[in-house]
PDB file of N, CA and C in Angstrom:
ATOM      1  N   UNK A   1       0.852  -1.184   0.000  1.00  0.00           N
ATOM      2  CA  UNK A   1       0.000   0.000   0.000  1.00  0.00           C
ATOM      3  C   UNK A   1       0.891   1.237   0.000  1.00  0.00           C
ATOM      4  N   UNK A   2       0.526   2.212  -0.821  1.00  0.00           N
ATOM      5  CA  UNK A   2       1.355   3.415  -0.931  1.00  0.00           C
ATOM      6  C   UNK A   2       1.139   4.346   0.262  1.00  0.00           C
ATOM      7  N   UNK A   3       2.106   5.201   0.480  1.00  0.00           N
ATOM      8  CA  UNK A   3       2.008   6.194   1.549  1.00  0.00           C
ATOM      9  C   UNK A   3       0.832   7.135   1.296  1.00  0.00           C
ATOM     10  N   UNK A   4       0.553   7.424   0.031  1.00  0.00           N
ATOM     11  CA  UNK A   4      -0.568   8.294  -0.327  1.00  0.00           C
ATOM     12  C   UNK A   4      -1.879   7.674   0.156  1.00  0.00           C
ATOM     13  N   UNK A   5      -2.051   6.375  -0.093  1.00  0.00           N
ATOM     14  CA  UNK A   5      -3.278   5.695   0.330  1.00  0.00           C
ATOM     15  C   UNK A   5      -3.371   5.664   1.853  1.00  0.00           C
ATOM     16  N   UNK A   6      -2.269   5.382   2.522  1.00  0.00           N
ATOM     17  CA  UNK A   6      -2.259   5.342   3.986  1.00  0.00           C
ATOM     18  C   UNK A   6      -2.700   6.681   4.573  1.00  0.00           C
ATOM     19  N   UNK A   7      -2.149   7.758   4.069  1.00  0.00           N
ATOM     20  CA  UNK A   7      -2.511   9.095   4.559  1.00  0.00           C
ATOM     21  C   UNK A   7      -3.959   9.433   4.212  1.00  0.00           C
ATOM     22  N   UNK A   8      -4.401   9.029   3.021  1.00  0.00           N
ATOM     23  CA  UNK A   8      -5.771   9.304   2.591  1.00  0.00           C
ATOM     24  C   UNK A   8      -6.777   8.563   3.464  1.00  0.00           C
ATOM     25  N   UNK A   9      -6.466   7.321   3.823  1.00  0.00           N
ATOM     26  CA  UNK A   9      -7.355   6.554   4.708  1.00  0.00           C
ATOM     27  C   UNK A   9      -7.510   7.286   6.037  1.00  0.00           C
ATOM     28  N   UNK A  10      -6.407   7.781   6.583  1.00  0.00           N
ATOM     29  CA  UNK A  10      -6.452   8.497   7.851  1.00  0.00           C
ATOM     30  C   UNK A  10      -7.294   9.773   7.732  1.00  0.00           C
ATOM     31  N   UNK A  11      -7.048  10.543   6.689  1.00  0.00           N
ATOM     32  CA  UNK A  11      -7.761  11.812   6.514  1.00  0.00           C
ATOM     33  C   UNK A  11      -9.255  11.588   6.262  1.00  0.00           C
ATOM     34  N   UNK A  12      -9.582  10.604   5.411  1.00  0.00           N
ATOM     35  CA  UNK A  12     -10.995  10.294   5.161  1.00  0.00           C
ATOM     36  C   UNK A  12     -11.678   9.801   6.428  1.00  0.00           C
ATOM     37  N   UNK A  13     -10.971   9.013   7.225  1.00  0.00           N
ATOM     38  CA  UNK A  13     -11.526   8.518   8.482  1.00  0.00           C
ATOM     39  C   UNK A  13     -11.884   9.645   9.438  1.00  0.00           C
ATOM     40  N   UNK A  14     -11.140  10.740   9.380  1.00  0.00           N
ATOM     41  CA  UNK A  14     -11.434  11.909  10.209  1.00  0.00           C
ATOM     42  C   UNK A  14     -12.686  12.635   9.722  1.00  0.00           C
ATOM     43  N   UNK A  15     -12.951  12.586   8.417  1.00  0.00           N
ATOM     44  CA  UNK A  15     -14.080  13.310   7.827  1.00  0.00           C
ATOM     45  C   UNK A  15     -15.368  12.493   7.813  1.00  0.00           C
ATOM     46  N   UNK A  16     -15.245  11.162   7.699  1.00  0.00           N
ATOM     47  CA  UNK A  16     -16.418  10.315   7.524  1.00  0.00           C
ATOM     48  C   UNK A  16     -16.553   9.396   8.727  1.00  0.00           C
ATOM     49  N   UNK A  17     -17.569   9.664   9.560  1.00  0.00           N
ATOM     50  CA  UNK A  17     -17.765   8.842  10.747  1.00  0.00           C
ATOM     51  C   UNK A  17     -18.647   7.635  10.453  1.00  0.00           C
ATOM     52  N   UNK A  18     -19.580   7.774   9.517  1.00  0.00           N
ATOM     53  CA  UNK A  18     -20.420   6.648   9.127  1.00  0.00           C
ATOM     54  C   UNK A  18     -20.884   6.848   7.693  1.00  0.00           C
ATOM     55  N   UNK A  19     -21.088   5.729   7.002  1.00  0.00           N
ATOM     56  CA  UNK A  19     -21.524   5.785   5.610  1.00  0.00           C
ATOM     57  C   UNK A  19     -22.319   4.515   5.330  1.00  0.00           C
ATOM     58  N   UNK A  20     -23.592   4.676   4.966  1.00  0.00           N
ATOM     59  CA  UNK A  20     -24.498   3.534   4.827  1.00  0.00           C
ATOM     60  C   UNK A  20     -24.338   2.774   3.514  1.00  0.00           C
ATOM     61  N   UNK A  21     -23.650   3.341   2.568  1.00  0.00           N
ATOM     62  CA  UNK A  21     -23.465   2.705   1.265  1.00  0.00           C
ATOM     63  C   UNK A  21     -22.027   2.210   1.145  1.00  0.00           C
ATOM     64  N   UNK A  22     -21.665   1.724  -0.055  1.00  0.00           N
ATOM     65  CA  UNK A  22     -20.299   1.255  -0.287  1.00  0.00           C
ATOM     66  C   UNK A  22     -19.711   2.036  -1.456  1.00  0.00           C
ATOM     67  N   UNK A  23     -18.614   2.742  -1.185  1.00  0.00           N
ATOM     68  CA  UNK A  23     -17.950   3.544  -2.212  1.00  0.00           C
ATOM     69  C   UNK A  23     -16.478   3.182  -2.254  1.00  0.00           C
ATOM     70  N   UNK A  24     -15.891   3.409  -3.415  1.00  0.00           N
ATOM     71  CA  UNK A  24     -14.459   3.156  -3.587  1.00  0.00           C
ATOM     72  C   UNK A  24     -13.833   4.361  -4.266  1.00  0.00           C
ATOM     73  N   UNK A  25     -12.740   4.840  -3.694  1.00  0.00           N
ATOM     74  CA  UNK A  25     -11.916   5.871  -4.318  1.00  0.00           C
ATOM     75  C   UNK A  25     -10.712   5.184  -4.921  1.00  0.00           C
ATOM     76  N   UNK A  26     -10.463   5.413  -6.195  1.00  0.00           N
ATOM     77  CA  UNK A  26      -9.249   4.913  -6.835  1.00  0.00           C
ATOM     78  C   UNK A  26      -8.360   6.116  -7.109  1.00  0.00           C
ATOM     79  N   UNK A  27      -7.169   6.087  -6.524  1.00  0.00           N
ATOM     80  CA  UNK A  27      -6.194   7.143  -6.767  1.00  0.00           C
ATOM     81  C   UNK A  27      -5.227   6.581  -7.810  1.00  0.00           C
ATOM     82  N   UNK A  28      -5.285   7.145  -9.004  1.00  0.00           N
ATOM     83  CA  UNK A  28      -4.520   6.629 -10.135  1.00  0.00           C
ATOM     84  C   UNK A  28      -3.041   6.458  -9.788  1.00  0.00           C
ATOM     85  N   UNK A  29      -2.543   5.251  -9.996  1.00  0.00           N
ATOM     86  CA  UNK A  29      -1.143   4.953  -9.754  1.00  0.00           C
ATOM     87  C   UNK A  29      -0.777   4.720  -8.301  1.00  0.00           C
ATOM     88  N   UNK A  30      -1.750   4.836  -7.389  1.00  0.00           N
ATOM     89  CA  UNK A  30      -1.454   4.694  -5.957  1.00  0.00           C
ATOM     90  C   UNK A  30      -2.183   3.525  -5.306  1.00  0.00           C
ATOM     91  N   UNK A  31      -3.474   3.353  -5.613  1.00  0.00           N
ATOM     92  CA  UNK A  31      -4.256   2.295  -4.983  1.00  0.00           C
ATOM     93  C   UNK A  31      -5.692   2.713  -4.783  1.00  0.00           C
ATOM     94  N   UNK A  32      -6.423   1.929  -3.984  1.00  0.00           N
ATOM     95  CA  UNK A  32      -7.852   2.175  -3.790  1.00  0.00           C
ATOM     96  C   UNK A  32      -8.202   2.197  -2.303  1.00  0.00           C
ATOM     97  N   UNK A  33      -9.286   2.908  -2.012  1.00  0.00           N
ATOM     98  CA  UNK A  33      -9.776   3.074  -0.650  1.00  0.00           C
ATOM     99  C   UNK A  33     -11.257   2.730  -0.633  1.00  0.00           C
ATOM    100  N   UNK A  34     -11.664   1.922   0.321  1.00  0.00           N
ATOM    101  CA  UNK A  34     -13.064   1.543   0.483  1.00  0.00           C
ATOM    102  C   UNK A  34     -13.677   2.365   1.613  1.00  0.00           C
ATOM    103  N   UNK A  35     -14.941   2.773   1.408  1.00  0.00           N
ATOM    104  CA  UNK A  35     -15.690   3.500   2.424  1.00  0.00           C
ATOM    105  C   UNK A  35     -17.041   2.808   2.539  1.00  0.00           C
ATOM    106  N   UNK A  36     -17.368   2.323   3.749  1.00  0.00           N
ATOM    107  CA  UNK A  36     -18.647   1.642   3.953  1.00  0.00           C
ATOM    108  C   UNK A  36     -19.052   1.761   5.420  1.00  0.00           C
ATOM    109  N   UNK A  37     -20.030   0.962   5.834  1.00  0.00           N
ATOM    110  CA  UNK A  37     -20.530   1.061   7.209  1.00  0.00           C
ATOM    111  C   UNK A  37     -19.475   0.692   8.245  1.00  0.00           C
ATOM    112  N   UNK A  38     -18.441  -0.024   7.835  1.00  0.00           N
ATOM    113  CA  UNK A  38     -17.361  -0.382   8.750  1.00  0.00           C
ATOM    114  C   UNK A  38     -16.294   0.698   8.857  1.00  0.00           C
ATOM    115  N   UNK A  39     -16.388   1.739   8.033  1.00  0.00           N
ATOM    116  CA  UNK A  39     -15.421   2.824   8.079  1.00  0.00           C
ATOM    117  C   UNK A  39     -14.624   2.958   6.795  1.00  0.00           C
ATOM    118  N   UNK A  40     -13.422   3.457   6.929  1.00  0.00           N
ATOM    119  CA  UNK A  40     -12.541   3.734   5.791  1.00  0.00           C
ATOM    120  C   UNK A  40     -11.321   2.835   5.900  1.00  0.00           C
ATOM    121  N   UNK A  41     -10.954   2.191   4.781  1.00  0.00           N
ATOM    122  CA  UNK A  41      -9.789   1.313   4.794  1.00  0.00           C
ATOM    123  C   UNK A  41      -9.229   1.185   3.388  1.00  0.00           C
ATOM    124  N   UNK A  42      -7.992   0.793   3.294  1.00  0.00           N
ATOM    125  CA  UNK A  42      -7.409   0.478   1.994  1.00  0.00           C
ATOM    126  C   UNK A  42      -8.046  -0.810   1.504  1.00  0.00           C
ATOM    127  N   UNK A  43      -8.370  -0.872   0.222  1.00  0.00           N
ATOM    128  CA  UNK A  43      -8.977  -2.075  -0.334  1.00  0.00           C
ATOM    129  C   UNK A  43      -9.461  -1.829  -1.739  1.00  0.00           C
ATOM    130  N   UNK A  44      -9.730  -2.907  -2.425  1.00  0.00           N
ATOM    131  CA  UNK A  44     -10.189  -2.810  -3.809  1.00  0.00           C
ATOM    132  C   UNK A  44     -11.266  -3.878  -4.019  1.00  0.00           C
ATOM    133  N   UNK A  45     -12.456  -3.583  -3.510  1.00  0.00           N
ATOM    134  CA  UNK A  45     -13.574  -4.517  -3.565  1.00  0.00           C
ATOM    135  C   UNK A  45     -14.693  -3.921  -4.416  1.00  0.00           C
ATOM    136  N   UNK A  46     -15.742  -4.698  -4.644  1.00  0.00           N
ATOM    137  CA  UNK A  46     -16.901  -4.183  -5.363  1.00  0.00           C
ATOM    138  C   UNK A  46     -17.555  -3.075  -4.548  1.00  0.00           C
ATOM    139  N   UNK A  47     -18.086  -2.074  -5.246  1.00  0.00           N
ATOM    140  CA  UNK A  47     -18.719  -0.943  -4.580  1.00  0.00           C
ATOM    141  C   UNK A  47     -19.914  -0.466  -5.405  1.00  0.00           C
ATOM    142  N   UNK A  48     -20.797   0.275  -4.761  1.00  0.00           N
ATOM    143  CA  UNK A  48     -21.948   0.847  -5.460  1.00  0.00           C
ATOM    144  C   UNK A  48     -21.503   1.967  -6.398  1.00  0.00           C
ATOM    145  N   UNK A  49     -20.431   2.632  -6.026  1.00  0.00           N
ATOM    146  CA  UNK A  49     -19.872   3.691  -6.868  1.00  0.00           C
ATOM    147  C   UNK A  49     -18.352   3.685  -6.730  1.00  0.00           C
ATOM    148  N   UNK A  50     -17.686   3.912  -7.856  1.00  0.00           N
ATOM    149  CA  UNK A  50     -16.231   4.032  -7.866  1.00  0.00           C
ATOM    150  C   UNK A  50     -15.873   5.411  -8.392  1.00  0.00           C
ATOM    151  N   UNK A  51     -15.086   6.131  -7.605  1.00  0.00           N
ATOM    152  CA  UNK A  51     -14.625   7.461  -7.993  1.00  0.00           C
ATOM    153  C   UNK A  51     -13.133   7.363  -8.274  1.00  0.00           C
ATOM    154  N   UNK A  52     -12.717   7.842  -9.434  1.00  0.00           N
ATOM    155  CA  UNK A  52     -11.320   7.743  -9.845  1.00  0.00           C
ATOM    156  C   UNK A  52     -10.771   9.135 -10.116  1.00  0.00           C
ATOM    157  N   UNK A  53      -9.613   9.412  -9.535  1.00  0.00           N
ATOM    158  CA  UNK A  53      -8.983  10.726  -9.718  1.00  0.00           C
ATOM    159  C   UNK A  53      -7.470  10.583  -9.573  1.00  0.00           C
ATOM    160  N   UNK A  54      -6.767  11.586 -10.058  1.00  0.00           N
ATOM    161  CA  UNK A  54      -5.319  11.641  -9.863  1.00  0.00           C
ATOM    162  C   UNK A  54      -5.029  11.955  -8.397  1.00  0.00           C
ATOM    163  N   UNK A  55      -3.796  11.758  -8.019  1.00  0.00           N
ATOM    164  CA  UNK A  55      -3.378  12.080  -6.658  1.00  0.00           C
ATOM    165  C   UNK A  55      -3.644  13.553  -6.349  1.00  0.00           C
ATOM    166  N   UNK A  56      -3.308  14.426  -7.268  1.00  0.00           N
ATOM    167  CA  UNK A  56      -3.466  15.864  -7.051  1.00  0.00           C
ATOM    168  C   UNK A  56      -4.935  16.234  -6.855  1.00  0.00           C
ATOM    169  N   UNK A  57      -5.803  15.698  -7.700  1.00  0.00           N
ATOM    170  CA  UNK A  57      -7.235  15.998  -7.581  1.00  0.00           C
ATOM    171  C   UNK A  57      -7.780  15.449  -6.274  1.00  0.00           C
ATOM    172  N   UNK A  58      -7.424  14.210  -5.943  1.00  0.00           N
ATOM    173  CA  UNK A  58      -7.901  13.595  -4.714  1.00  0.00           C
ATOM    174  C   UNK A  58      -7.456  14.393  -3.494  1.00  0.00           C
ATOM    175  N   UNK A  59      -6.189  14.785  -3.457  1.00  0.00           N
ATOM    176  CA  UNK A  59      -5.688  15.572  -2.331  1.00  0.00           C
ATOM    177  C   UNK A  59      -6.413  16.916  -2.241  1.00  0.00           C
ATOM    178  N   UNK A  60      -6.718  17.531  -3.395  1.00  0.00           N
ATOM    179  CA  UNK A  60      -7.456  18.787  -3.408  1.00  0.00           C
ATOM    180  C   UNK A  60      -8.856  18.624  -2.849  1.00  0.00           C
ATOM    181  N   UNK A  61      -9.509  17.513  -3.185  1.00  0.00           N
ATOM    182  CA  UNK A  61     -10.846  17.238  -2.647  1.00  0.00           C
ATOM    183  C   UNK A  61     -10.767  17.064  -1.133  1.00  0.00           C
ATOM    184  N   UNK A  62      -9.771  16.325  -0.673  1.00  0.00           N
ATOM    185  CA  UNK A  62      -9.626  16.077   0.767  1.00  0.00           C
ATOM    186  C   UNK A  62      -9.353  17.338   1.565  1.00  0.00           C
ATOM    187  N   UNK A  63      -8.519  18.229   1.028  1.00  0.00           N
ATOM    188  CA  UNK A  63      -8.185  19.422   1.816  1.00  0.00           C
ATOM    189  C   UNK A  63      -9.112  20.604   1.543  1.00  0.00           C
ATOM    190  N   UNK A  64     -10.115  20.391   0.685  1.00  0.00           N
ATOM    191  CA  UNK A  64     -11.120  21.427   0.455  1.00  0.00           C
ATOM    192  C   UNK A  64     -10.789  22.411  -0.645  1.00  0.00           C
ATOM    193  N   UNK A  65      -9.651  22.256  -1.318  1.00  0.00           N
ATOM    194  CA  UNK A  65      -9.280  23.163  -2.402  1.00  0.00           C
ATOM    195  C   UNK A  65     -10.012  22.852  -3.702  1.00  0.00           C
ATOM    196  N   UNK A  66     -10.501  21.618  -3.851  1.00  0.00           N
ATOM    197  CA  UNK A  66     -11.175  21.191  -5.076  1.00  0.00           C
ATOM    198  C   UNK A  66     -12.579  20.724  -4.724  1.00  0.00           C
ATOM    199  N   UNK A  67     -13.576  21.318  -5.376  1.00  0.00           N
ATOM    200  CA  UNK A  67     -14.963  20.898  -5.194  1.00  0.00           C
ATOM    201  C   UNK A  67     -15.185  19.625  -6.009  1.00  0.00           C
ATOM    202  N   UNK A  68     -15.703  18.543  -5.390  1.00  0.00           N
ATOM    203  CA  UNK A  68     -15.901  17.294  -6.126  1.00  0.00           C
ATOM    204  C   UNK A  68     -16.787  17.452  -7.367  1.00  0.00           C
ATOM    205  N   UNK A  69     -17.855  18.247  -7.271  1.00  0.00           N
ATOM    206  CA  UNK A  69     -18.753  18.439  -8.417  1.00  0.00           C
ATOM    207  C   UNK A  69     -18.027  19.151  -9.561  1.00  0.00           C
ATOM    208  N   UNK A  70     -17.227  20.142  -9.224  1.00  0.00           N
ATOM    209  CA  UNK A  70     -16.461  20.858 -10.237  1.00  0.00           C
ATOM    210  C   UNK A  70     -15.427  19.933 -10.877  1.00  0.00           C
ATOM    211  N   UNK A  71     -14.758  19.119 -10.052  1.00  0.00           N
ATOM    212  CA  UNK A  71     -13.770  18.177 -10.581  1.00  0.00           C
ATOM    213  C   UNK A  71     -14.430  17.194 -11.541  1.00  0.00           C
ATOM    214  N   UNK A  72     -15.638  16.752 -11.209  1.00  0.00           N
ATOM    215  CA  UNK A  72     -16.372  15.833 -12.085  1.00  0.00           C
ATOM    216  C   UNK A  72     -16.708  16.514 -13.414  1.00  0.00           C
ATOM    217  N   UNK A  73     -17.225  17.740 -13.343  1.00  0.00           N
ATOM    218  CA  UNK A  73     -17.612  18.451 -14.566  1.00  0.00           C
ATOM    219  C   UNK A  73     -16.417  18.779 -15.447  1.00  0.00           C
ATOM    220  N   UNK A  74     -15.236  18.932 -14.845  1.00  0.00           N
ATOM    221  CA  UNK A  74     -14.025  19.235 -15.603  1.00  0.00           C
ATOM    222  C   UNK A  74     -13.330  17.968 -16.102  1.00  0.00           C
ATOM    223  N   UNK A  75     -13.888  16.800 -15.755  1.00  0.00           N
ATOM    224  CA  UNK A  75     -13.310  15.544 -16.190  1.00  0.00           C
ATOM    225  C   UNK A  75     -12.127  15.080 -15.352  1.00  0.00           C
ATOM    226  N   UNK A  76     -11.905  15.716 -14.205  1.00  0.00           N
ATOM    227  CA  UNK A  76     -10.788  15.338 -13.339  1.00  0.00           C
ATOM    228  C   UNK A  76     -11.176  14.245 -12.342  1.00  0.00           C
ATOM    229  N   UNK A  77     -12.482  14.047 -12.182  1.00  0.00           N
ATOM    230  CA  UNK A  77     -13.005  13.006 -11.300  1.00  0.00           C
ATOM    231  C   UNK A  77     -13.988  12.181 -12.110  1.00  0.00           C
ATOM    232  N   UNK A  78     -13.722  10.881 -12.216  1.00  0.00           N
ATOM    233  CA  UNK A  78     -14.602   9.986 -12.960  1.00  0.00           C
ATOM    234  C   UNK A  78     -15.457   9.218 -11.968  1.00  0.00           C
ATOM    235  N   UNK A  79     -16.741   9.074 -12.293  1.00  0.00           N
ATOM    236  CA  UNK A  79     -17.677   8.371 -11.417  1.00  0.00           C
ATOM    237  C   UNK A  79     -18.299   7.229 -12.203  1.00  0.00           C
ATOM    238  N   UNK A  80     -18.198   6.030 -11.647  1.00  0.00           N
ATOM    239  CA  UNK A  80     -18.775   4.846 -12.269  1.00  0.00           C
ATOM    240  C   UNK A  80     -19.697   4.180 -11.255  1.00  0.00           C
ATOM    241  N   UNK A  81     -20.994   4.187 -11.550  1.00  0.00           N
ATOM    242  CA  UNK A  81     -21.953   3.579 -10.634  1.00  0.00           C
ATOM    243  C   UNK A  81     -22.998   4.587 -10.195  1.00  0.00           C
ATOM    244  N   UNK A  82     -23.456   4.438  -8.972  1.00  0.00           N
ATOM    245  CA  UNK A  82     -24.564   5.223  -8.436  1.00  0.00           C
ATOM    246  C   UNK A  82     -24.180   6.686  -8.198  1.00  0.00           C
ATOM    247  N   UNK A  83     -24.805   7.569  -8.961  1.00  0.00           N
ATOM    248  CA  UNK A  83     -24.563   9.004  -8.773  1.00  0.00           C
ATOM    249  C   UNK A  83     -25.098   9.459  -7.415  1.00  0.00           C
ATOM    250  N   UNK A  84     -26.184   8.842  -6.953  1.00  0.00           N
ATOM    251  CA  UNK A  84     -26.745   9.187  -5.645  1.00  0.00           C
ATOM    252  C   UNK A  84     -25.762   8.913  -4.517  1.00  0.00           C
ATOM    253  N   UNK A  85     -25.102   7.757  -4.572  1.00  0.00           N
ATOM    254  CA  UNK A  85     -24.102   7.423  -3.550  1.00  0.00           C
ATOM    255  C   UNK A  85     -22.919   8.379  -3.651  1.00  0.00           C
ATOM    256  N   UNK A  86     -22.527   8.725  -4.871  1.00  0.00           N
ATOM    257  CA  UNK A  86     -21.438   9.685  -5.056  1.00  0.00           C
ATOM    258  C   UNK A  86     -21.796  11.035  -4.433  1.00  0.00           C
ATOM    259  N   UNK A  87     -23.042  11.451  -4.590  1.00  0.00           N
ATOM    260  CA  UNK A  87     -23.474  12.726  -4.014  1.00  0.00           C
ATOM    261  C   UNK A  87     -23.489  12.659  -2.483  1.00  0.00           C
ATOM    262  N   UNK A  88     -23.903  11.525  -1.916  1.00  0.00           N
ATOM    263  CA  UNK A  88     -23.868  11.350  -0.457  1.00  0.00           C
ATOM    264  C   UNK A  88     -22.435  11.487   0.052  1.00  0.00           C
ATOM    265  N   UNK A  89     -21.509  10.864  -0.661  1.00  0.00           N
ATOM    266  CA  UNK A  89     -20.111  10.930  -0.269  1.00  0.00           C
ATOM    267  C   UNK A  89     -19.586  12.357  -0.382  1.00  0.00           C
ATOM    268  N   UNK A  90     -19.976  13.042  -1.446  1.00  0.00           N
ATOM    269  CA  UNK A  90     -19.569  14.439  -1.633  1.00  0.00           C
ATOM    270  C   UNK A  90     -20.017  15.316  -0.473  1.00  0.00           C
ATOM    271  N   UNK A  91     -21.221  15.069   0.044  1.00  0.00           N
ATOM    272  CA  UNK A  91     -21.727  15.839   1.183  1.00  0.00           C
ATOM    273  C   UNK A  91     -20.883  15.581   2.433  1.00  0.00           C
ATOM    274  N   UNK A  92     -20.437  14.347   2.601  1.00  0.00           N
ATOM    275  CA  UNK A  92     -19.606  14.007   3.764  1.00  0.00           C
ATOM    276  C   UNK A  92     -18.242  14.699   3.686  1.00  0.00           C
ATOM    277  N   UNK A  93     -17.766  14.932   2.460  1.00  0.00           N
ATOM    278  CA  UNK A  93     -16.449  15.529   2.289  1.00  0.00           C
ATOM    279  C   UNK A  93     -16.474  17.042   2.342  1.00  0.00           C
ATOM    280  N   UNK A  94     -17.662  17.633   2.291  1.00  0.00           N
ATOM    281  CA  UNK A  94     -17.769  19.105   2.300  1.00  0.00           C
ATOM    282  C   UNK A  94     -17.548  19.684   3.667  1.00  0.00           C
TER     283      UNK A  94
END
């Protein structure tokens, strides 16, 4: 597991206390992070929605410099699966 994923798991865990659905963040070239009712962890399992972004975009979303909706509209964040679950996750990150 990359250092980027390890740090991202920690930061996401601070922002997301509970999540009723299953989402996966894929950080291109680094790895994947699962978010579900059990919390946040490194992993690459099936999910209701998969969000894929570069390290820079992902870090911007985490620290609040990048709006997830704007990143999606600019093509910097790809969403595969349930848009509703993606929107729930976006609210948790705001």
